[in-house]
Amino acid sequence: MLGVASGLSWRLLPRATLSLLRVSRSRAAAHGRAYVVPDDVKALAAPVVAHRILLTPESQMRGTDAVGVITDILRSVPVPAGRAAG
């Protein structure tokens, strides 16, 4: 994933996404689950990918930080609804 937005750019290569998948699986296992839920990904996205976000000096002067950007992105993405059993 490569993106450019107002005052920042990011590039998530497959290695970064695989790292996020691995740590999300580990978190799920630590919580006694054999599956990953959106909260696993959300809890670990910032620590795994924040260093890949480059902020412009102007953005930094406005007080923007990489963790805040990731948090805003995650808030804007709706969590998929599960399918009803039946």
PDB file of N, CA and C in Angstrom:
ATOM      1  N   MET A   1       0.857  -1.171   0.000  1.00  0.00           N
ATOM      2  CA  MET A   1       0.000   0.000   0.000  1.00  0.00           C
ATOM      3  C   MET A   1       0.896   1.225   0.000  1.00  0.00           C
ATOM      4  N   LEU A   2       0.687   2.113  -0.931  1.00  0.00           N
ATOM      5  CA  LEU A   2       1.436   3.353  -1.018  1.00  0.00           C
ATOM      6  C   LEU A   2       0.423   4.470  -0.997  1.00  0.00           C
ATOM      7  N   GLY A   3       0.661   5.462  -0.176  1.00  0.00           N
ATOM      8  CA  GLY A   3      -0.307   6.543  -0.097  1.00  0.00           C
ATOM      9  C   GLY A   3       0.332   7.876   0.184  1.00  0.00           C
ATOM     10  N   VAL A   4      -0.324   8.925  -0.231  1.00  0.00           N
ATOM     11  CA  VAL A   4       0.111  10.276   0.059  1.00  0.00           C
ATOM     12  C   VAL A   4      -1.112  11.062   0.464  1.00  0.00           C
ATOM     13  N   ALA A   5      -1.023  11.718   1.580  1.00  0.00           N
ATOM     14  CA  ALA A   5      -2.118  12.560   2.051  1.00  0.00           C
ATOM     15  C   ALA A   5      -1.517  13.882   2.475  1.00  0.00           C
ATOM     16  N   SER A   6      -2.325  14.767   2.922  1.00  0.00           N
ATOM     17  CA  SER A   6      -1.884  16.079   3.331  1.00  0.00           C
ATOM     18  C   SER A   6      -0.775  16.002   4.375  1.00  0.00           C
ATOM     19  N   GLY A   7       0.451  16.261   3.964  1.00  0.00           N
ATOM     20  CA  GLY A   7       1.559  16.344   4.907  1.00  0.00           C
ATOM     21  C   GLY A   7       2.181  15.030   5.323  1.00  0.00           C
ATOM     22  N   LEU A   8       1.837  13.931   4.662  1.00  0.00           N
ATOM     23  CA  LEU A   8       2.461  12.668   5.032  1.00  0.00           C
ATOM     24  C   LEU A   8       2.477  11.721   3.849  1.00  0.00           C
ATOM     25  N   SER A   9       3.334  10.723   3.941  1.00  0.00           N
ATOM     26  CA  SER A   9       3.326   9.653   2.950  1.00  0.00           C
ATOM     27  C   SER A   9       3.651   8.358   3.665  1.00  0.00           C
ATOM     28  N   TRP A  10       3.204   7.269   3.109  1.00  0.00           N
ATOM     29  CA  TRP A  10       3.468   5.973   3.719  1.00  0.00           C
ATOM     30  C   TRP A  10       3.589   4.931   2.627  1.00  0.00           C
ATOM     31  N   ARG A  11       4.284   3.885   2.972  1.00  0.00           N
ATOM     32  CA  ARG A  11       4.432   2.776   2.050  1.00  0.00           C
ATOM     33  C   ARG A  11       4.492   1.498   2.868  1.00  0.00           C
ATOM     34  N   LEU A  12       3.491   0.671   2.726  1.00  0.00           N
ATOM     35  CA  LEU A  12       3.467  -0.608   3.422  1.00  0.00           C
ATOM     36  C   LEU A  12       3.737  -1.703   2.407  1.00  0.00           C
ATOM     37  N   LEU A  13       4.898  -2.272   2.497  1.00  0.00           N
ATOM     38  CA  LEU A  13       5.273  -3.375   1.624  1.00  0.00           C
ATOM     39  C   LEU A  13       4.715  -4.672   2.197  1.00  0.00           C
ATOM     40  N   PRO A  14       4.739  -5.729   1.409  1.00  0.00           N
ATOM     41  CA  PRO A  14       4.221  -7.010   1.909  1.00  0.00           C
ATOM     42  C   PRO A  14       4.855  -7.445   3.226  1.00  0.00           C
ATOM     43  N   ARG A  15       6.116  -7.166   3.426  1.00  0.00           N
ATOM     44  CA  ARG A  15       6.777  -7.556   4.669  1.00  0.00           C
ATOM     45  C   ARG A  15       6.122  -6.894   5.880  1.00  0.00           C
ATOM     46  N   ALA A  16       5.725  -5.636   5.741  1.00  0.00           N
ATOM     47  CA  ALA A  16       5.061  -4.935   6.853  1.00  0.00           C
ATOM     48  C   ALA A  16       3.692  -5.540   7.128  1.00  0.00           C
ATOM     49  N   THR A  17       2.968  -5.873   6.063  1.00  0.00           N
ATOM     50  CA  THR A  17       1.644  -6.459   6.270  1.00  0.00           C
ATOM     51  C   THR A  17       1.758  -7.856   6.868  1.00  0.00           C
ATOM     52  N   LEU A  18       2.758  -8.609   6.447  1.00  0.00           N
ATOM     53  CA  LEU A  18       2.969  -9.932   7.033  1.00  0.00           C
ATOM     54  C   LEU A  18       3.364  -9.826   8.505  1.00  0.00           C
ATOM     55  N   SER A  19       4.156  -8.820   8.831  1.00  0.00           N
ATOM     56  CA  SER A  19       4.523  -8.602  10.238  1.00  0.00           C
ATOM     57  C   SER A  19       3.284  -8.285  11.067  1.00  0.00           C
ATOM     58  N   LEU A  20       2.414  -7.436  10.539  1.00  0.00           N
ATOM     59  CA  LEU A  20       1.182  -7.103  11.250  1.00  0.00           C
ATOM     60  C   LEU A  20       0.304  -8.345  11.419  1.00  0.00           C
ATOM     61  N   LEU A  21       0.251  -9.178  10.398  1.00  0.00           N
ATOM     62  CA  LEU A  21      -0.514 -10.420  10.496  1.00  0.00           C
ATOM     63  C   LEU A  21       0.064 -11.337  11.578  1.00  0.00           C
ATOM     64  N   ARG A  22       1.380 -11.485  11.589  1.00  0.00           N
ATOM     65  CA  ARG A  22       2.015 -12.371  12.572  1.00  0.00           C
ATOM     66  C   ARG A  22       1.782 -11.914  14.010  1.00  0.00           C
ATOM     67  N   VAL A  23       1.976 -10.627  14.255  1.00  0.00           N
ATOM     68  CA  VAL A  23       1.797 -10.155  15.637  1.00  0.00           C
ATOM     69  C   VAL A  23       0.323 -10.173  16.030  1.00  0.00           C
ATOM     70  N   SER A  24      -0.567  -9.971  15.061  1.00  0.00           N
ATOM     71  CA  SER A  24      -2.005 -10.058  15.351  1.00  0.00           C
ATOM     72  C   SER A  24      -2.384 -11.488  15.726  1.00  0.00           C
ATOM     73  N   ARG A  25      -1.812 -12.460  15.016  1.00  0.00           N
ATOM     74  CA  ARG A  25      -2.056 -13.867  15.358  1.00  0.00           C
ATOM     75  C   ARG A  25      -1.510 -14.188  16.748  1.00  0.00           C
ATOM     76  N   SER A  26      -0.347 -13.655  17.057  1.00  0.00           N
ATOM     77  CA  SER A  26       0.244 -13.886  18.379  1.00  0.00           C
ATOM     78  C   SER A  26      -0.629 -13.291  19.474  1.00  0.00           C
ATOM     79  N   ARG A  27      -1.148 -12.090  19.242  1.00  0.00           N
ATOM     80  CA  ARG A  27      -2.026 -11.459  20.236  1.00  0.00           C
ATOM     81  C   ARG A  27      -3.301 -12.275  20.425  1.00  0.00           C
ATOM     82  N   ALA A  28      -3.845 -12.764  19.319  1.00  0.00           N
ATOM     83  CA  ALA A  28      -5.051 -13.591  19.405  1.00  0.00           C
ATOM     84  C   ALA A  28      -4.768 -14.847  20.230  1.00  0.00           C
ATOM     85  N   ALA A  29      -3.642 -15.488  19.970  1.00  0.00           N
ATOM     86  CA  ALA A  29      -3.282 -16.694  20.725  1.00  0.00           C
ATOM     87  C   ALA A  29      -3.082 -16.377  22.201  1.00  0.00           C
ATOM     88  N   ALA A  30      -2.479 -15.241  22.489  1.00  0.00           N
ATOM     89  CA  ALA A  30      -2.273 -14.842  23.883  1.00  0.00           C
ATOM     90  C   ALA A  30      -3.599 -14.617  24.604  1.00  0.00           C
ATOM     91  N   HIS A  31      -4.634 -14.289  23.833  1.00  0.00           N
ATOM     92  CA  HIS A  31      -5.971 -14.099  24.399  1.00  0.00           C
ATOM     93  C   HIS A  31      -6.817 -15.365  24.283  1.00  0.00           C
ATOM     94  N   GLY A  32      -6.186 -16.486  23.947  1.00  0.00           N
ATOM     95  CA  GLY A  32      -6.877 -17.760  23.912  1.00  0.00           C
ATOM     96  C   GLY A  32      -7.737 -18.003  22.686  1.00  0.00           C
ATOM     97  N   ARG A  33      -7.448 -17.278  21.607  1.00  0.00           N
ATOM     98  CA  ARG A  33      -8.231 -17.456  20.390  1.00  0.00           C
ATOM     99  C   ARG A  33      -7.371 -18.038  19.281  1.00  0.00           C
ATOM    100  N   ALA A  34      -7.970 -18.791  18.393  1.00  0.00           N
ATOM    101  CA  ALA A  34      -7.273 -19.342  17.232  1.00  0.00           C
ATOM    102  C   ALA A  34      -7.538 -18.485  15.989  1.00  0.00           C
ATOM    103  N   TYR A  35      -8.107 -17.316  16.177  1.00  0.00           N
ATOM    104  CA  TYR A  35      -8.455 -16.432  15.074  1.00  0.00           C
ATOM    105  C   TYR A  35      -8.196 -14.985  15.488  1.00  0.00           C
ATOM    106  N   VAL A  36      -7.968 -14.145  14.497  1.00  0.00           N
ATOM    107  CA  VAL A  36      -7.694 -12.717  14.701  1.00  0.00           C
ATOM    108  C   VAL A  36      -8.998 -11.940  14.577  1.00  0.00           C
ATOM    109  N   VAL A  37      -9.179 -10.970  15.452  1.00  0.00           N
ATOM    110  CA  VAL A  37     -10.328 -10.068  15.370  1.00  0.00           C
ATOM    111  C   VAL A  37      -9.803  -8.659  15.057  1.00  0.00           C
ATOM    112  N   PRO A  38     -10.660  -7.780  14.573  1.00  0.00           N
ATOM    113  CA  PRO A  38     -10.207  -6.427  14.239  1.00  0.00           C
ATOM    114  C   PRO A  38      -9.471  -5.722  15.387  1.00  0.00           C
ATOM    115  N   ASP A  39      -9.873  -5.968  16.626  1.00  0.00           N
ATOM    116  CA  ASP A  39      -9.200  -5.325  17.760  1.00  0.00           C
ATOM    117  C   ASP A  39      -7.733  -5.736  17.863  1.00  0.00           C
ATOM    118  N   ASP A  40      -7.400  -6.958  17.437  1.00  0.00           N
ATOM    119  CA  ASP A  40      -5.999  -7.389  17.441  1.00  0.00           C
ATOM    120  C   ASP A  40      -5.183  -6.523  16.488  1.00  0.00           C
ATOM    121  N   VAL A  41      -5.716  -6.334  15.301  1.00  0.00           N
ATOM    122  CA  VAL A  41      -5.015  -5.530  14.297  1.00  0.00           C
ATOM    123  C   VAL A  41      -4.911  -4.082  14.755  1.00  0.00           C
ATOM    124  N   LYS A  42      -6.012  -3.540  15.256  1.00  0.00           N
ATOM    125  CA  LYS A  42      -6.021  -2.144  15.697  1.00  0.00           C
ATOM    126  C   LYS A  42      -5.038  -1.902  16.836  1.00  0.00           C
ATOM    127  N   ALA A  43      -4.923  -2.865  17.740  1.00  0.00           N
ATOM    128  CA  ALA A  43      -4.018  -2.693  18.886  1.00  0.00           C
ATOM    129  C   ALA A  43      -2.559  -2.694  18.468  1.00  0.00           C
ATOM    130  N   LEU A  44      -2.251  -3.329  17.357  1.00  0.00           N
ATOM    131  CA  LEU A  44      -0.849  -3.509  16.980  1.00  0.00           C
ATOM    132  C   LEU A  44      -0.420  -2.728  15.744  1.00  0.00           C
ATOM    133  N   ALA A  45      -1.344  -2.106  15.057  1.00  0.00           N
ATOM    134  CA  ALA A  45      -0.997  -1.401  13.824  1.00  0.00           C
ATOM    135  C   ALA A  45       0.032  -0.298  14.060  1.00  0.00           C
ATOM    136  N   ALA A  46      -0.186   0.520  15.050  1.00  0.00           N
ATOM    137  CA  ALA A  46       0.744   1.632  15.288  1.00  0.00           C
ATOM    138  C   ALA A  46       2.157   1.154  15.626  1.00  0.00           C
ATOM    139  N   PRO A  47       2.330   0.230  16.570  1.00  0.00           N
ATOM    140  CA  PRO A  47       3.695  -0.213  16.860  1.00  0.00           C
ATOM    141  C   PRO A  47       4.394  -0.876  15.675  1.00  0.00           C
ATOM    142  N   VAL A  48       3.621  -1.510  14.801  1.00  0.00           N
ATOM    143  CA  VAL A  48       4.230  -2.239  13.688  1.00  0.00           C
ATOM    144  C   VAL A  48       4.554  -1.327  12.510  1.00  0.00           C
ATOM    145  N   VAL A  49       3.699  -0.360  12.206  1.00  0.00           N
ATOM    146  CA  VAL A  49       3.888   0.417  10.973  1.00  0.00           C
ATOM    147  C   VAL A  49       4.173   1.905  11.162  1.00  0.00           C
ATOM    148  N   ALA A  50       4.147   2.415  12.357  1.00  0.00           N
ATOM    149  CA  ALA A  50       4.323   3.865  12.554  1.00  0.00           C
ATOM    150  C   ALA A  50       5.635   4.385  11.983  1.00  0.00           C
ATOM    151  N   HIS A  51       6.675   3.581  12.061  1.00  0.00           N
ATOM    152  CA  HIS A  51       7.971   4.051  11.560  1.00  0.00           C
ATOM    153  C   HIS A  51       7.999   4.186  10.040  1.00  0.00           C
ATOM    154  N   ARG A  52       6.977   3.707   9.364  1.00  0.00           N
ATOM    155  CA  ARG A  52       6.924   3.811   7.907  1.00  0.00           C
ATOM    156  C   ARG A  52       6.207   5.069   7.431  1.00  0.00           C
ATOM    157  N   ILE A  53       5.651   5.830   8.346  1.00  0.00           N
ATOM    158  CA  ILE A  53       4.954   7.060   7.982  1.00  0.00           C
ATOM    159  C   ILE A  53       5.925   8.229   8.085  1.00  0.00           C
ATOM    160  N   LEU A  54       6.029   8.967   7.005  1.00  0.00           N
ATOM    161  CA  LEU A  54       6.914  10.123   6.957  1.00  0.00           C
ATOM    162  C   LEU A  54       6.075  11.393   6.969  1.00  0.00           C
ATOM    163  N   LEU A  55       6.278  12.207   7.970  1.00  0.00           N
ATOM    164  CA  LEU A  55       5.530  13.457   8.089  1.00  0.00           C
ATOM    165  C   LEU A  55       6.359  14.614   7.559  1.00  0.00           C
ATOM    166  N   THR A  56       5.703  15.548   6.923  1.00  0.00           N
ATOM    167  CA  THR A  56       6.403  16.754   6.486  1.00  0.00           C
ATOM    168  C   THR A  56       6.713  17.602   7.724  1.00  0.00           C
ATOM    169  N   PRO A  57       7.713  18.466   7.623  1.00  0.00           N
ATOM    170  CA  PRO A  57       7.996  19.360   8.752  1.00  0.00           C
ATOM    171  C   PRO A  57       6.778  20.195   9.155  1.00  0.00           C
ATOM    172  N   GLU A  58       5.973  20.591   8.165  1.00  0.00           N
ATOM    173  CA  GLU A  58       4.780  21.373   8.465  1.00  0.00           C
ATOM    174  C   GLU A  58       3.799  20.570   9.310  1.00  0.00           C
ATOM    175  N   SER A  59       3.623  19.300   8.970  1.00  0.00           N
ATOM    176  CA  SER A  59       2.730  18.437   9.748  1.00  0.00           C
ATOM    177  C   SER A  59       3.244  18.259  11.162  1.00  0.00           C
ATOM    178  N   GLN A  60       4.538  18.083  11.292  1.00  0.00           N
ATOM    179  CA  GLN A  60       5.141  17.924  12.613  1.00  0.00           C
ATOM    180  C   GLN A  60       4.946  19.184  13.444  1.00  0.00           C
ATOM    181  N   MET A  61       5.057  20.354  12.808  1.00  0.00           N
ATOM    182  CA  MET A  61       4.874  21.606  13.534  1.00  0.00           C
ATOM    183  C   MET A  61       3.426  21.779  13.994  1.00  0.00           C
ATOM    184  N   ARG A  62       2.483  21.166  13.262  1.00  0.00           N
ATOM    185  CA  ARG A  62       1.070  21.215  13.662  1.00  0.00           C
ATOM    186  C   ARG A  62       0.776  20.221  14.781  1.00  0.00           C
ATOM    187  N   GLY A  63       1.766  19.418  15.146  1.00  0.00           N
ATOM    188  CA  GLY A  63       1.574  18.460  16.228  1.00  0.00           C
ATOM    189  C   GLY A  63       1.115  17.092  15.768  1.00  0.00           C
ATOM    190  N   THR A  64       1.151  16.854  14.468  1.00  0.00           N
ATOM    191  CA  THR A  64       0.760  15.552  13.941  1.00  0.00           C
ATOM    192  C   THR A  64       1.876  14.555  14.213  1.00  0.00           C
ATOM    193  N   ASP A  65       1.498  13.344  14.629  1.00  0.00           N
ATOM    194  CA  ASP A  65       2.500  12.290  14.778  1.00  0.00           C
ATOM    195  C   ASP A  65       1.990  11.022  14.098  1.00  0.00           C
ATOM    196  N   ALA A  66       2.889  10.087  13.825  1.00  0.00           N
ATOM    197  CA  ALA A  66       2.553   8.882  13.074  1.00  0.00           C
ATOM    198  C   ALA A  66       1.492   8.052  13.790  1.00  0.00           C
ATOM    199  N   VAL A  67       1.592   7.922  15.085  1.00  0.00           N
ATOM    200  CA  VAL A  67       0.615   7.129  15.837  1.00  0.00           C
ATOM    201  C   VAL A  67      -0.773   7.755  15.712  1.00  0.00           C
ATOM    202  N   GLY A  68      -0.849   9.065  15.782  1.00  0.00           N
ATOM    203  CA  GLY A  68      -2.127   9.751  15.622  1.00  0.00           C
ATOM    204  C   GLY A  68      -2.721   9.540  14.237  1.00  0.00           C
ATOM    205  N   VAL A  69      -1.878   9.540  13.228  1.00  0.00           N
ATOM    206  CA  VAL A  69      -2.340   9.300  11.857  1.00  0.00           C
ATOM    207  C   VAL A  69      -2.928   7.896  11.746  1.00  0.00           C
ATOM    208  N   ILE A  70      -2.217   6.906  12.278  1.00  0.00           N
ATOM    209  CA  ILE A  70      -2.698   5.527  12.222  1.00  0.00           C
ATOM    210  C   ILE A  70      -4.010   5.391  12.985  1.00  0.00           C
ATOM    211  N   THR A  71      -4.079   6.002  14.146  1.00  0.00           N
ATOM    212  CA  THR A  71      -5.301   5.954  14.946  1.00  0.00           C
ATOM    213  C   THR A  71      -6.479   6.547  14.176  1.00  0.00           C
ATOM    214  N   ASP A  72      -6.259   7.682  13.521  1.00  0.00           N
ATOM    215  CA  ASP A  72      -7.321   8.307  12.724  1.00  0.00           C
ATOM    216  C   ASP A  72      -7.756   7.409  11.566  1.00  0.00           C
ATOM    217  N   ILE A  73      -6.797   6.790  10.906  1.00  0.00           N
ATOM    218  CA  ILE A  73      -7.125   5.901   9.792  1.00  0.00           C
ATOM    219  C   ILE A  73      -7.959   4.724  10.286  1.00  0.00           C
ATOM    220  N   LEU A  74      -7.526   4.126  11.380  1.00  0.00           N
ATOM    221  CA  LEU A  74      -8.246   2.965  11.912  1.00  0.00           C
ATOM    222  C   LEU A  74      -9.657   3.332  12.367  1.00  0.00           C
ATOM    223  N   ARG A  75      -9.831   4.522  12.890  1.00  0.00           N
ATOM    224  CA  ARG A  75     -11.175   4.962  13.294  1.00  0.00           C
ATOM    225  C   ARG A  75     -12.091   5.141  12.091  1.00  0.00           C
ATOM    226  N   SER A  76     -11.505   5.498  10.949  1.00  0.00           N
ATOM    227  CA  SER A  76     -12.322   5.776   9.766  1.00  0.00           C
ATOM    228  C   SER A  76     -12.708   4.515   8.993  1.00  0.00           C
ATOM    229  N   VAL A  77     -12.083   3.391   9.304  1.00  0.00           N
ATOM    230  CA  VAL A  77     -12.374   2.143   8.595  1.00  0.00           C
ATOM    231  C   VAL A  77     -13.419   1.357   9.382  1.00  0.00           C
ATOM    232  N   PRO A  78     -14.558   1.079   8.768  1.00  0.00           N
ATOM    233  CA  PRO A  78     -15.590   0.331   9.496  1.00  0.00           C
ATOM    234  C   PRO A  78     -15.159  -1.122   9.717  1.00  0.00           C
ATOM    235  N   VAL A  79     -15.539  -1.652  10.860  1.00  0.00           N
ATOM    236  CA  VAL A  79     -15.267  -3.052  11.173  1.00  0.00           C
ATOM    237  C   VAL A  79     -16.305  -3.899  10.460  1.00  0.00           C
ATOM    238  N   PRO A  80     -15.865  -4.919   9.735  1.00  0.00           N
ATOM    239  CA  PRO A  80     -16.840  -5.759   9.017  1.00  0.00           C
ATOM    240  C   PRO A  80     -17.809  -6.439   9.982  1.00  0.00           C
ATOM    241  N   ALA A  81     -19.044  -6.555   9.567  1.00  0.00           N
ATOM    242  CA  ALA A  81     -20.046  -7.252  10.367  1.00  0.00           C
ATOM    243  C   ALA A  81     -19.939  -8.742  10.095  1.00  0.00           C
ATOM    244  N   GLY A  82     -20.118  -9.541  11.126  1.00  0.00           N
ATOM    245  CA  GLY A  82     -20.058 -10.993  10.958  1.00  0.00           C
ATOM    246  C   GLY A  82     -21.303 -11.533  10.274  1.00  0.00           C
ATOM    247  N   ARG A  83     -21.164 -12.711   9.762  1.00  0.00           N
ATOM    248  CA  ARG A  83     -22.325 -13.375   9.146  1.00  0.00           C
ATOM    249  C   ARG A  83     -23.128 -14.092  10.214  1.00  0.00           C
ATOM    250  N   ALA A  84     -24.398 -14.083  10.038  1.00  0.00           N
ATOM    251  CA  ALA A  84     -25.279 -14.783  10.986  1.00  0.00           C
ATOM    252  C   ALA A  84     -25.191 -16.289  10.741  1.00  0.00           C
ATOM    253  N   ALA A  85     -25.143 -17.034  11.820  1.00  0.00           N
ATOM    254  CA  ALA A  85     -25.112 -18.490  11.693  1.00  0.00           C
ATOM    255  C   ALA A  85     -26.481 -18.983  11.271  1.00  0.00           C
ATOM    256  N   GLY A  86     -26.490 -19.980  10.432  1.00  0.00           N
ATOM    257  CA  GLY A  86     -27.802 -20.477  10.103  1.00  0.00           C
ATOM    258  C   GLY A  86     -27.885 -21.379   8.979  1.00  0.00           C
TER     259      GLY A  86
END
